[in-house]
Amino acid sequence: MAMGRIQFQAGLSLPEFIQLYGAEENCEAALEQARWPDGFRCPRCECKEYGLIHGRRHKRYPCRSCRHQTTLTAGTILEATKLPLTTGFLALYLVGQALAARLPCSGGRTSPHSL
């Protein structure tokens, strides 16, 4: 599986990460771009027309054709969380940084056998 733009950002420091993804709106925009790079597509019928429902946690995207509702986090690791997207993005960033530090090519001090 190829790494996406959000998954691998070489050399992204924590302050740079916070600047890019420190606000809920920024995380929503990045996730929307990653999920639907060519605009919204219904996961059920592939229709492009949708409405927008602002909920308590995340926006819902109801399809105007089949009426199926989806969210930005549906089908992702963040699907069932009640935490803000900023917290989920930060957790994924920190896990990625910890794993990258263990890779032999990254200059990390941990041996590859301890993975």
PDB file of N, CA and C in Angstrom:
ATOM      1  N   MET A   1       0.844  -1.177   0.000  1.00  0.00           N
ATOM      2  CA  MET A   1       0.000   0.000   0.000  1.00  0.00           C
ATOM      3  C   MET A   1       0.894   1.246   0.000  1.00  0.00           C
ATOM      4  N   ALA A   2       0.670   2.135  -0.916  1.00  0.00           N
ATOM      5  CA  ALA A   2       1.459   3.350  -1.017  1.00  0.00           C
ATOM      6  C   ALA A   2       1.110   4.295   0.128  1.00  0.00           C
ATOM      7  N   MET A   3       2.123   5.026   0.594  1.00  0.00           N
ATOM      8  CA  MET A   3       1.880   5.977   1.672  1.00  0.00           C
ATOM      9  C   MET A   3       1.304   7.265   1.102  1.00  0.00           C
ATOM     10  N   GLY A   4       0.297   7.787   1.778  1.00  0.00           N
ATOM     11  CA  GLY A   4      -0.335   9.023   1.355  1.00  0.00           C
ATOM     12  C   GLY A   4       0.412  10.236   1.882  1.00  0.00           C
ATOM     13  N   ARG A   5      -0.040  11.393   1.493  1.00  0.00           N
ATOM     14  CA  ARG A   5       0.589  12.648   1.874  1.00  0.00           C
ATOM     15  C   ARG A   5       0.555  12.856   3.383  1.00  0.00           C
ATOM     16  N   ILE A   6      -0.532  12.450   4.029  1.00  0.00           N
ATOM     17  CA  ILE A   6      -0.650  12.638   5.471  1.00  0.00           C
ATOM     18  C   ILE A   6       0.173  11.597   6.208  1.00  0.00           C
ATOM     19  N   GLN A   7       0.238  10.373   5.690  1.00  0.00           N
ATOM     20  CA  GLN A   7       0.933   9.295   6.373  1.00  0.00           C
ATOM     21  C   GLN A   7       2.432   9.523   6.454  1.00  0.00           C
ATOM     22  N   PHE A   8       3.036  10.080   5.421  1.00  0.00           N
ATOM     23  CA  PHE A   8       4.480  10.240   5.415  1.00  0.00           C
ATOM     24  C   PHE A   8       4.838  11.666   5.027  1.00  0.00           C
ATOM     25  N   GLN A   9       5.336  12.394   5.993  1.00  0.00           N
ATOM     26  CA  GLN A   9       5.806  13.741   5.739  1.00  0.00           C
ATOM     27  C   GLN A   9       7.197  13.841   6.349  1.00  0.00           C
ATOM     28  N   ALA A  10       8.174  13.529   5.542  1.00  0.00           N
ATOM     29  CA  ALA A  10       9.554  13.463   6.025  1.00  0.00           C
ATOM     30  C   ALA A  10       9.975  14.784   6.642  1.00  0.00           C
ATOM     31  N   GLY A  11      10.558  14.685   7.839  1.00  0.00           N
ATOM     32  CA  GLY A  11      11.110  15.860   8.484  1.00  0.00           C
ATOM     33  C   GLY A  11      10.103  16.808   9.084  1.00  0.00           C
ATOM     34  N   LEU A  12       8.873  16.396   9.265  1.00  0.00           N
ATOM     35  CA  LEU A  12       7.854  17.271   9.840  1.00  0.00           C
ATOM     36  C   LEU A  12       8.027  17.312  11.355  1.00  0.00           C
ATOM     37  N   SER A  13       8.397  18.472  11.874  1.00  0.00           N
ATOM     38  CA  SER A  13       8.616  18.608  13.317  1.00  0.00           C
ATOM     39  C   SER A  13       7.276  18.776  14.023  1.00  0.00           C
ATOM     40  N   LEU A  14       7.288  18.620  15.336  1.00  0.00           N
ATOM     41  CA  LEU A  14       6.058  18.765  16.112  1.00  0.00           C
ATOM     42  C   LEU A  14       5.452  20.166  15.970  1.00  0.00           C
ATOM     43  N   PRO A  15       6.239  21.245  16.063  1.00  0.00           N
ATOM     44  CA  PRO A  15       5.643  22.575  15.852  1.00  0.00           C
ATOM     45  C   PRO A  15       5.025  22.738  14.450  1.00  0.00           C
ATOM     46  N   GLU A  16       5.684  22.175  13.441  1.00  0.00           N
ATOM     47  CA  GLU A  16       5.126  22.249  12.086  1.00  0.00           C
ATOM     48  C   GLU A  16       3.832  21.446  11.999  1.00  0.00           C
ATOM     49  N   PHE A  17       3.817  20.288  12.648  1.00  0.00           N
ATOM     50  CA  PHE A  17       2.610  19.456  12.664  1.00  0.00           C
ATOM     51  C   PHE A  17       1.467  20.197  13.335  1.00  0.00           C
ATOM     52  N   ILE A  18       1.740  20.821  14.480  1.00  0.00           N
ATOM     53  CA  ILE A  18       0.710  21.572  15.209  1.00  0.00           C
ATOM     54  C   ILE A  18       0.197  22.731  14.358  1.00  0.00           C
ATOM     55  N   GLN A  19       1.093  23.374  13.635  1.00  0.00           N
ATOM     56  CA  GLN A  19       0.676  24.484  12.778  1.00  0.00           C
ATOM     57  C   GLN A  19      -0.247  23.986  11.657  1.00  0.00           C
ATOM     58  N   LEU A  20       0.078  22.809  11.091  1.00  0.00           N
ATOM     59  CA  LEU A  20      -0.736  22.271   9.997  1.00  0.00           C
ATOM     60  C   LEU A  20      -2.046  21.649  10.468  1.00  0.00           C
ATOM     61  N   TYR A  21      -2.001  20.916  11.589  1.00  0.00           N
ATOM     62  CA  TYR A  21      -3.157  20.126  12.018  1.00  0.00           C
ATOM     63  C   TYR A  21      -3.601  20.430  13.444  1.00  0.00           C
ATOM     64  N   GLY A  22      -3.280  21.582  13.972  1.00  0.00           N
ATOM     65  CA  GLY A  22      -3.634  21.928  15.346  1.00  0.00           C
ATOM     66  C   GLY A  22      -5.062  22.398  15.533  1.00  0.00           C
ATOM     67  N   ALA A  23      -5.766  22.653  14.453  1.00  0.00           N
ATOM     68  CA  ALA A  23      -7.171  23.098  14.538  1.00  0.00           C
ATOM     69  C   ALA A  23      -8.075  22.043  13.908  1.00  0.00           C
ATOM     70  N   GLU A  24      -9.247  21.879  14.474  1.00  0.00           N
ATOM     71  CA  GLU A  24     -10.203  20.882  13.995  1.00  0.00           C
ATOM     72  C   GLU A  24     -10.527  21.085  12.510  1.00  0.00           C
ATOM     73  N   GLU A  25     -10.658  22.337  12.094  1.00  0.00           N
ATOM     74  CA  GLU A  25     -10.986  22.641  10.701  1.00  0.00           C
ATOM     75  C   GLU A  25      -9.873  22.181   9.761  1.00  0.00           C
ATOM     76  N   ASN A  26      -8.621  22.335  10.191  1.00  0.00           N
ATOM     77  CA  ASN A  26      -7.490  21.900   9.365  1.00  0.00           C
ATOM     78  C   ASN A  26      -7.483  20.385   9.218  1.00  0.00           C
ATOM     79  N   CYS A  27      -7.782  19.681  10.309  1.00  0.00           N
ATOM     80  CA  CYS A  27      -7.836  18.215  10.256  1.00  0.00           C
ATOM     81  C   CYS A  27      -8.970  17.760   9.349  1.00  0.00           C
ATOM     82  N   GLU A  28     -10.126  18.412   9.454  1.00  0.00           N
ATOM     83  CA  GLU A  28     -11.262  18.064   8.589  1.00  0.00           C
ATOM     84  C   GLU A  28     -10.905  18.264   7.129  1.00  0.00           C
ATOM     85  N   ALA A  29     -10.272  19.389   6.811  1.00  0.00           N
ATOM     86  CA  ALA A  29      -9.905  19.676   5.423  1.00  0.00           C
ATOM     87  C   ALA A  29      -8.893  18.652   4.897  1.00  0.00           C
ATOM     88  N   ALA A  30      -7.898  18.288   5.726  1.00  0.00           N
ATOM     89  CA  ALA A  30      -6.890  17.313   5.303  1.00  0.00           C
ATOM     90  C   ALA A  30      -7.517  15.937   5.113  1.00  0.00           C
ATOM     91  N   LEU A  31      -8.405  15.552   6.010  1.00  0.00           N
ATOM     92  CA  LEU A  31      -9.058  14.250   5.912  1.00  0.00           C
ATOM     93  C   LEU A  31     -10.009  14.207   4.717  1.00  0.00           C
ATOM     94  N   GLU A  32     -10.721  15.302   4.481  1.00  0.00           N
ATOM     95  CA  GLU A  32     -11.615  15.371   3.321  1.00  0.00           C
ATOM     96  C   GLU A  32     -10.825  15.264   2.020  1.00  0.00           C
ATOM     97  N   GLN A  33      -9.701  15.948   1.945  1.00  0.00           N
ATOM     98  CA  GLN A  33      -8.855  15.890   0.748  1.00  0.00           C
ATOM     99  C   GLN A  33      -8.276  14.492   0.550  1.00  0.00           C
ATOM    100  N   ALA A  34      -7.904  13.838   1.646  1.00  0.00           N
ATOM    101  CA  ALA A  34      -7.336  12.492   1.554  1.00  0.00           C
ATOM    102  C   ALA A  34      -8.401  11.463   1.153  1.00  0.00           C
ATOM    103  N   ARG A  35      -9.610  11.599   1.689  1.00  0.00           N
ATOM    104  CA  ARG A  35     -10.681  10.638   1.388  1.00  0.00           C
ATOM    105  C   ARG A  35     -11.266  10.836   0.003  1.00  0.00           C
ATOM    106  N   TRP A  36     -11.499  12.093  -0.339  1.00  0.00           N
ATOM    107  CA  TRP A  36     -12.158  12.405  -1.608  1.00  0.00           C
ATOM    108  C   TRP A  36     -11.342  13.445  -2.381  1.00  0.00           C
ATOM    109  N   PRO A  37     -10.205  13.057  -2.967  1.00  0.00           N
ATOM    110  CA  PRO A  37      -9.359  14.037  -3.667  1.00  0.00           C
ATOM    111  C   PRO A  37     -10.056  14.695  -4.863  1.00  0.00           C
ATOM    112  N   ASP A  38     -11.024  14.003  -5.460  1.00  0.00           N
ATOM    113  CA  ASP A  38     -11.755  14.573  -6.597  1.00  0.00           C
ATOM    114  C   ASP A  38     -13.148  15.039  -6.201  1.00  0.00           C
ATOM    115  N   GLY A  39     -13.357  15.286  -4.925  1.00  0.00           N
ATOM    116  CA  GLY A  39     -14.666  15.695  -4.433  1.00  0.00           C
ATOM    117  C   GLY A  39     -15.421  14.499  -3.865  1.00  0.00           C
ATOM    118  N   PHE A  40     -16.468  14.791  -3.113  1.00  0.00           N
ATOM    119  CA  PHE A  40     -17.237  13.750  -2.440  1.00  0.00           C
ATOM    120  C   PHE A  40     -17.791  12.726  -3.417  1.00  0.00           C
ATOM    121  N   ARG A  41     -17.721  11.470  -3.000  1.00  0.00           N
ATOM    122  CA  ARG A  41     -18.343  10.345  -3.713  1.00  0.00           C
ATOM    123  C   ARG A  41     -19.024   9.479  -2.671  1.00  0.00           C
ATOM    124  N   CYS A  42     -20.293   9.186  -2.856  1.00  0.00           N
ATOM    125  CA  CYS A  42     -21.018   8.328  -1.933  1.00  0.00           C
ATOM    126  C   CYS A  42     -20.371   6.946  -1.931  1.00  0.00           C
ATOM    127  N   PRO A  43     -20.076   6.391  -0.750  1.00  0.00           N
ATOM    128  CA  PRO A  43     -19.458   5.068  -0.706  1.00  0.00           C
ATOM    129  C   PRO A  43     -20.398   3.953  -1.158  1.00  0.00           C
ATOM    130  N   ARG A  44     -21.685   4.231  -1.201  1.00  0.00           N
ATOM    131  CA  ARG A  44     -22.642   3.207  -1.599  1.00  0.00           C
ATOM    132  C   ARG A  44     -22.970   3.265  -3.090  1.00  0.00           C
ATOM    133  N   CYS A  45     -23.270   4.456  -3.619  1.00  0.00           N
ATOM    134  CA  CYS A  45     -23.725   4.538  -5.019  1.00  0.00           C
ATOM    135  C   CYS A  45     -22.814   5.367  -5.926  1.00  0.00           C
ATOM    136  N   GLU A  46     -21.731   5.941  -5.376  1.00  0.00           N
ATOM    137  CA  GLU A  46     -20.763   6.739  -6.137  1.00  0.00           C
ATOM    138  C   GLU A  46     -21.310   8.074  -6.652  1.00  0.00           C
ATOM    139  N   CYS A  47     -22.458   8.491  -6.153  1.00  0.00           N
ATOM    140  CA  CYS A  47     -23.042   9.778  -6.553  1.00  0.00           C
ATOM    141  C   CYS A  47     -22.188  10.919  -5.989  1.00  0.00           C
ATOM    142  N   LYS A  48     -22.127  12.047  -6.714  1.00  0.00           N
ATOM    143  CA  LYS A  48     -21.338  13.192  -6.274  1.00  0.00           C
ATOM    144  C   LYS A  48     -22.161  14.225  -5.507  1.00  0.00           C
ATOM    145  N   GLU A  49     -23.469  14.137  -5.563  1.00  0.00           N
ATOM    146  CA  GLU A  49     -24.314  15.139  -4.925  1.00  0.00           C
ATOM    147  C   GLU A  49     -24.616  14.752  -3.490  1.00  0.00           C
ATOM    148  N   TYR A  50     -24.455  15.718  -2.587  1.00  0.00           N
ATOM    149  CA  TYR A  50     -24.652  15.444  -1.169  1.00  0.00           C
ATOM    150  C   TYR A  50     -25.131  16.696  -0.454  1.00  0.00           C
ATOM    151  N   GLY A  51     -25.661  16.487   0.728  1.00  0.00           N
ATOM    152  CA  GLY A  51     -26.008  17.580   1.622  1.00  0.00           C
ATOM    153  C   GLY A  51     -24.955  17.645   2.714  1.00  0.00           C
ATOM    154  N   LEU A  52     -25.170  18.484   3.688  1.00  0.00           N
ATOM    155  CA  LEU A  52     -24.233  18.601   4.793  1.00  0.00           C
ATOM    156  C   LEU A  52     -25.027  18.801   6.073  1.00  0.00           C
ATOM    157  N   ILE A  53     -24.785  17.919   7.047  1.00  0.00           N
ATOM    158  CA  ILE A  53     -25.447  18.006   8.341  1.00  0.00           C
ATOM    159  C   ILE A  53     -24.369  18.199   9.396  1.00  0.00           C
ATOM    160  N   HIS A  54     -24.452  19.294  10.126  1.00  0.00           N
ATOM    161  CA  HIS A  54     -23.485  19.555  11.194  1.00  0.00           C
ATOM    162  C   HIS A  54     -23.995  18.893  12.460  1.00  0.00           C
ATOM    163  N   GLY A  55     -23.256  17.907  12.934  1.00  0.00           N
ATOM    164  CA  GLY A  55     -23.641  17.173  14.132  1.00  0.00           C
ATOM    165  C   GLY A  55     -22.843  17.619  15.333  1.00  0.00           C
ATOM    166  N   ARG A  56     -22.966  16.841  16.399  1.00  0.00           N
ATOM    167  CA  ARG A  56     -22.251  17.166  17.623  1.00  0.00           C
ATOM    168  C   ARG A  56     -20.745  16.966  17.475  1.00  0.00           C
ATOM    169  N   ARG A  57     -20.360  15.873  16.828  1.00  0.00           N
ATOM    170  CA  ARG A  57     -18.931  15.580  16.707  1.00  0.00           C
ATOM    171  C   ARG A  57     -18.389  15.911  15.329  1.00  0.00           C
ATOM    172  N   HIS A  58     -18.947  15.260  14.326  1.00  0.00           N
ATOM    173  CA  HIS A  58     -18.427  15.435  12.963  1.00  0.00           C
ATOM    174  C   HIS A  58     -19.574  15.717  12.003  1.00  0.00           C
ATOM    175  N   LYS A  59     -19.217  16.362  10.906  1.00  0.00           N
ATOM    176  CA  LYS A  59     -20.208  16.619   9.868  1.00  0.00           C
ATOM    177  C   LYS A  59     -20.631  15.298   9.232  1.00  0.00           C
ATOM    178  N   ARG A  60     -21.886  15.238   8.831  1.00  0.00           N
ATOM    179  CA  ARG A  60     -22.396  14.076   8.096  1.00  0.00           C
ATOM    180  C   ARG A  60     -22.652  14.512   6.655  1.00  0.00           C
ATOM    181  N   TYR A  61     -22.400  13.576   5.754  1.00  0.00           N
ATOM    182  CA  TYR A  61     -22.580  13.817   4.329  1.00  0.00           C
ATOM    183  C   TYR A  61     -23.669  12.871   3.820  1.00  0.00           C
ATOM    184  N   PRO A  62     -24.921  13.334   3.737  1.00  0.00           N
ATOM    185  CA  PRO A  62     -25.968  12.460   3.200  1.00  0.00           C
ATOM    186  C   PRO A  62     -26.006  12.534   1.671  1.00  0.00           C
ATOM    187  N   CYS A  63     -26.032  11.375   1.043  1.00  0.00           N
ATOM    188  CA  CYS A  63     -26.103  11.304  -0.409  1.00  0.00           C
ATOM    189  C   CYS A  63     -27.495  11.726  -0.856  1.00  0.00           C
ATOM    190  N   ARG A  64     -27.576  12.529  -1.886  1.00  0.00           N
ATOM    191  CA  ARG A  64     -28.880  12.980  -2.371  1.00  0.00           C
ATOM    192  C   ARG A  64     -29.562  11.940  -3.240  1.00  0.00           C
ATOM    193  N   SER A  65     -28.813  10.949  -3.675  1.00  0.00           N
ATOM    194  CA  SER A  65     -29.384   9.905  -4.516  1.00  0.00           C
ATOM    195  C   SER A  65     -29.934   8.744  -3.691  1.00  0.00           C
ATOM    196  N   CYS A  66     -29.080   8.120  -2.881  1.00  0.00           N
ATOM    197  CA  CYS A  66     -29.507   6.935  -2.122  1.00  0.00           C
ATOM    198  C   CYS A  66     -29.779   7.236  -0.647  1.00  0.00           C
ATOM    199  N   ARG A  67     -29.505   8.463  -0.209  1.00  0.00           N
ATOM    200  CA  ARG A  67     -29.724   8.934   1.163  1.00  0.00           C
ATOM    201  C   ARG A  67     -28.812   8.282   2.210  1.00  0.00           C
ATOM    202  N   HIS A  68     -27.794   7.579   1.757  1.00  0.00           N
ATOM    203  CA  HIS A  68     -26.823   7.008   2.687  1.00  0.00           C
ATOM    204  C   HIS A  68     -26.037   8.147   3.324  1.00  0.00           C
ATOM    205  N   GLN A  69     -25.818   8.069   4.644  1.00  0.00           N
ATOM    206  CA  GLN A  69     -25.041   9.091   5.339  1.00  0.00           C
ATOM    207  C   GLN A  69     -23.673   8.547   5.707  1.00  0.00           C
ATOM    208  N   THR A  70     -22.659   9.367   5.515  1.00  0.00           N
ATOM    209  CA  THR A  70     -21.299   8.990   5.902  1.00  0.00           C
ATOM    210  C   THR A  70     -20.639  10.175   6.581  1.00  0.00           C
ATOM    211  N   THR A  71     -19.548   9.915   7.263  1.00  0.00           N
ATOM    212  CA  THR A  71     -18.761  10.966   7.896  1.00  0.00           C
ATOM    213  C   THR A  71     -17.332  10.887   7.375  1.00  0.00           C
ATOM    214  N   LEU A  72     -16.547  11.892   7.708  1.00  0.00           N
ATOM    215  CA  LEU A  72     -15.144  11.891   7.294  1.00  0.00           C
ATOM    216  C   LEU A  72     -14.382  10.727   7.901  1.00  0.00           C
ATOM    217  N   THR A  73     -14.757  10.307   9.092  1.00  0.00           N
ATOM    218  CA  THR A  73     -14.008   9.266   9.784  1.00  0.00           C
ATOM    219  C   THR A  73     -14.543   7.862   9.527  1.00  0.00           C
ATOM    220  N   ALA A  74     -15.661   7.731   8.829  1.00  0.00           N
ATOM    221  CA  ALA A  74     -16.237   6.402   8.567  1.00  0.00           C
ATOM    222  C   ALA A  74     -15.242   5.546   7.794  1.00  0.00           C
ATOM    223  N   GLY A  75     -14.992   4.335   8.295  1.00  0.00           N
ATOM    224  CA  GLY A  75     -14.066   3.424   7.631  1.00  0.00           C
ATOM    225  C   GLY A  75     -12.605   3.706   7.915  1.00  0.00           C
ATOM    226  N   THR A  76     -12.322   4.585   8.870  1.00  0.00           N
ATOM    227  CA  THR A  76     -10.938   4.887   9.230  1.00  0.00           C
ATOM    228  C   THR A  76     -10.678   4.437  10.662  1.00  0.00           C
ATOM    229  N   ILE A  77      -9.447   4.549  11.079  1.00  0.00           N
ATOM    230  CA  ILE A  77      -9.079   4.190  12.446  1.00  0.00           C
ATOM    231  C   ILE A  77      -9.732   5.133  13.461  1.00  0.00           C
ATOM    232  N   LEU A  78     -10.159   6.289  13.022  1.00  0.00           N
ATOM    233  CA  LEU A  78     -10.784   7.277  13.900  1.00  0.00           C
ATOM    234  C   LEU A  78     -12.309   7.180  13.917  1.00  0.00           C
ATOM    235  N   GLU A  79     -12.864   6.161  13.301  1.00  0.00           N
ATOM    236  CA  GLU A  79     -14.313   6.067  13.115  1.00  0.00           C
ATOM    237  C   GLU A  79     -15.114   6.127  14.414  1.00  0.00           C
ATOM    238  N   ALA A  80     -14.781   5.338  15.404  1.00  0.00           N
ATOM    239  CA  ALA A  80     -15.615   5.232  16.600  1.00  0.00           C
ATOM    240  C   ALA A  80     -15.164   6.133  17.747  1.00  0.00           C
ATOM    241  N   THR A  81     -14.159   6.948  17.534  1.00  0.00           N
ATOM    242  CA  THR A  81     -13.645   7.768  18.625  1.00  0.00           C
ATOM    243  C   THR A  81     -14.558   8.951  18.922  1.00  0.00           C
ATOM    244  N   LYS A  82     -14.577   9.337  20.169  1.00  0.00           N
ATOM    245  CA  LYS A  82     -15.313  10.532  20.569  1.00  0.00           C
ATOM    246  C   LYS A  82     -14.365  11.710  20.774  1.00  0.00           C
ATOM    247  N   LEU A  83     -13.092  11.461  20.532  1.00  0.00           N
ATOM    248  CA  LEU A  83     -12.086  12.509  20.682  1.00  0.00           C
ATOM    249  C   LEU A  83     -12.091  13.432  19.466  1.00  0.00           C
ATOM    250  N   PRO A  84     -11.624  14.654  19.639  1.00  0.00           N
ATOM    251  CA  PRO A  84     -11.509  15.554  18.487  1.00  0.00           C
ATOM    252  C   PRO A  84     -10.511  15.009  17.468  1.00  0.00           C
ATOM    253  N   LEU A  85     -10.663  15.413  16.230  1.00  0.00           N
ATOM    254  CA  LEU A  85      -9.734  14.993  15.181  1.00  0.00           C
ATOM    255  C   LEU A  85      -8.307  15.423  15.490  1.00  0.00           C
ATOM    256  N   THR A  86      -8.148  16.575  16.127  1.00  0.00           N
ATOM    257  CA  THR A  86      -6.800  17.052  16.459  1.00  0.00           C
ATOM    258  C   THR A  86      -6.079  16.055  17.369  1.00  0.00           C
ATOM    259  N   THR A  87      -6.797  15.461  18.311  1.00  0.00           N
ATOM    260  CA  THR A  87      -6.203  14.477  19.216  1.00  0.00           C
ATOM    261  C   THR A  87      -5.835  13.210  18.459  1.00  0.00           C
ATOM    262  N   GLY A  88      -6.709  12.757  17.577  1.00  0.00           N
ATOM    263  CA  GLY A  88      -6.426  11.570  16.771  1.00  0.00           C
ATOM    264  C   GLY A  88      -5.249  11.779  15.845  1.00  0.00           C
ATOM    265  N   PHE A  89      -5.185  12.937  15.197  1.00  0.00           N
ATOM    266  CA  PHE A  89      -4.070  13.236  14.305  1.00  0.00           C
ATOM    267  C   PHE A  89      -2.755  13.278  15.089  1.00  0.00           C
ATOM    268  N   LEU A  90      -2.775  13.914  16.268  1.00  0.00           N
ATOM    269  CA  LEU A  90      -1.566  13.998  17.082  1.00  0.00           C
ATOM    270  C   LEU A  90      -1.113  12.611  17.526  1.00  0.00           C
ATOM    271  N   ALA A  91      -2.048  11.761  17.928  1.00  0.00           N
ATOM    272  CA  ALA A  91      -1.699  10.392  18.330  1.00  0.00           C
ATOM    273  C   ALA A  91      -1.051   9.637  17.173  1.00  0.00           C
ATOM    274  N   LEU A  92      -1.620   9.759  15.983  1.00  0.00           N
ATOM    275  CA  LEU A  92      -1.050   9.076  14.812  1.00  0.00           C
ATOM    276  C   LEU A  92       0.334   9.641  14.468  1.00  0.00           C
ATOM    277  N   TYR A  93       0.504  10.937  14.616  1.00  0.00           N
ATOM    278  CA  TYR A  93       1.805  11.556  14.361  1.00  0.00           C
ATOM    279  C   TYR A  93       2.851  11.013  15.335  1.00  0.00           C
ATOM    280  N   LEU A  94       2.504  10.964  16.620  1.00  0.00           N
ATOM    281  CA  LEU A  94       3.453  10.506  17.630  1.00  0.00           C
ATOM    282  C   LEU A  94       3.810   9.038  17.451  1.00  0.00           C
ATOM    283  N   VAL A  95       2.843   8.207  17.098  1.00  0.00           N
ATOM    284  CA  VAL A  95       3.125   6.799  16.825  1.00  0.00           C
ATOM    285  C   VAL A  95       4.052   6.690  15.615  1.00  0.00           C
ATOM    286  N   GLY A  96       3.771   7.454  14.587  1.00  0.00           N
ATOM    287  CA  GLY A  96       4.619   7.444  13.392  1.00  0.00           C
ATOM    288  C   GLY A  96       6.039   7.893  13.695  1.00  0.00           C
ATOM    289  N   GLN A  97       6.181   8.908  14.531  1.00  0.00           N
ATOM    290  CA  GLN A  97       7.517   9.382  14.901  1.00  0.00           C
ATOM    291  C   GLN A  97       8.259   8.323  15.717  1.00  0.00           C
ATOM    292  N   ALA A  98       7.555   7.650  16.617  1.00  0.00           N
ATOM    293  CA  ALA A  98       8.188   6.607  17.431  1.00  0.00           C
ATOM    294  C   ALA A  98       8.644   5.444  16.555  1.00  0.00           C
ATOM    295  N   LEU A  99       7.824   5.070  15.584  1.00  0.00           N
ATOM    296  CA  LEU A  99       8.212   3.977  14.689  1.00  0.00           C
ATOM    297  C   LEU A  99       9.364   4.386  13.777  1.00  0.00           C
ATOM    298  N   ALA A 100       9.343   5.605  13.298  1.00  0.00           N
ATOM    299  CA  ALA A 100      10.405   6.081  12.413  1.00  0.00           C
ATOM    300  C   ALA A 100      11.745   6.131  13.141  1.00  0.00           C
ATOM    301  N   ALA A 101      11.722   6.433  14.425  1.00  0.00           N
ATOM    302  CA  ALA A 101      12.959   6.507  15.200  1.00  0.00           C
ATOM    303  C   ALA A 101      13.597   5.129  15.351  1.00  0.00           C
ATOM    304  N   ARG A 102      12.806   4.070  15.198  1.00  0.00           N
ATOM    305  CA  ARG A 102      13.323   2.712  15.348  1.00  0.00           C
ATOM    306  C   ARG A 102      13.855   2.128  14.044  1.00  0.00           C
ATOM    307  N   LEU A 103      13.567   2.762  12.932  1.00  0.00           N
ATOM    308  CA  LEU A 103      14.030   2.234  11.654  1.00  0.00           C
ATOM    309  C   LEU A 103      15.522   2.472  11.493  1.00  0.00           C
ATOM    310  N   PRO A 104      16.246   1.478  10.973  1.00  0.00           N
ATOM    311  CA  PRO A 104      17.697   1.629  10.845  1.00  0.00           C
ATOM    312  C   PRO A 104      18.098   2.766   9.907  1.00  0.00           C
ATOM    313  N   CYS A 105      17.308   3.031   8.895  1.00  0.00           N
ATOM    314  CA  CYS A 105      17.669   4.078   7.928  1.00  0.00           C
ATOM    315  C   CYS A 105      17.411   5.478   8.470  1.00  0.00           C
ATOM    316  N   SER A 106      16.687   5.607   9.586  1.00  0.00           N
ATOM    317  CA  SER A 106      16.359   6.932  10.101  1.00  0.00           C
ATOM    318  C   SER A 106      17.397   7.465  11.078  1.00  0.00           C
ATOM    319  N   GLY A 107      18.383   6.638  11.398  1.00  0.00           N
ATOM    320  CA  GLY A 107      19.401   7.094  12.326  1.00  0.00           C
ATOM    321  C   GLY A 107      19.001   6.894  13.770  1.00  0.00           C
ATOM    322  N   GLY A 108      17.917   6.166  14.012  1.00  0.00           N
ATOM    323  CA  GLY A 108      17.484   5.900  15.374  1.00  0.00           C
ATOM    324  C   GLY A 108      18.463   4.983  16.083  1.00  0.00           C
ATOM    325  N   ARG A 109      18.493   5.051  17.402  1.00  0.00           N
ATOM    326  CA  ARG A 109      19.460   4.276  18.167  1.00  0.00           C
ATOM    327  C   ARG A 109      18.987   2.855  18.461  1.00  0.00           C
ATOM    328  N   THR A 110      17.713   2.579  18.263  1.00  0.00           N
ATOM    329  CA  THR A 110      17.180   1.261  18.572  1.00  0.00           C
ATOM    330  C   THR A 110      17.505   0.285  17.462  1.00  0.00           C
ATOM    331  N   SER A 111      17.845  -0.931  17.832  1.00  0.00           N
ATOM    332  CA  SER A 111      18.167  -1.917  16.806  1.00  0.00           C
ATOM    333  C   SER A 111      16.898  -2.408  16.140  1.00  0.00           C
ATOM    334  N   PRO A 112      16.969  -2.820  14.864  1.00  0.00           N
ATOM    335  CA  PRO A 112      15.779  -3.278  14.161  1.00  0.00           C
ATOM    336  C   PRO A 112      15.212  -4.554  14.762  1.00  0.00           C
ATOM    337  N   HIS A 113      15.998  -5.284  15.550  1.00  0.00           N
ATOM    338  CA  HIS A 113      15.514  -6.532  16.149  1.00  0.00           C
ATOM    339  C   HIS A 113      14.576  -6.281  17.314  1.00  0.00           C
ATOM    340  N   SER A 114      14.511  -5.057  17.813  1.00  0.00           N
ATOM    341  CA  SER A 114      13.630  -4.775  18.942  1.00  0.00           C
ATOM    342  C   SER A 114      12.250  -4.304  18.501  1.00  0.00           C
ATOM    343  N   LEU A 115      12.004  -4.284  17.190  1.00  0.00           N
ATOM    344  CA  LEU A 115      10.684  -3.889  16.689  1.00  0.00           C
ATOM    345  C   LEU A 115       9.718  -4.907  17.079  1.00  0.00           C
TER     346      LEU A 115
END
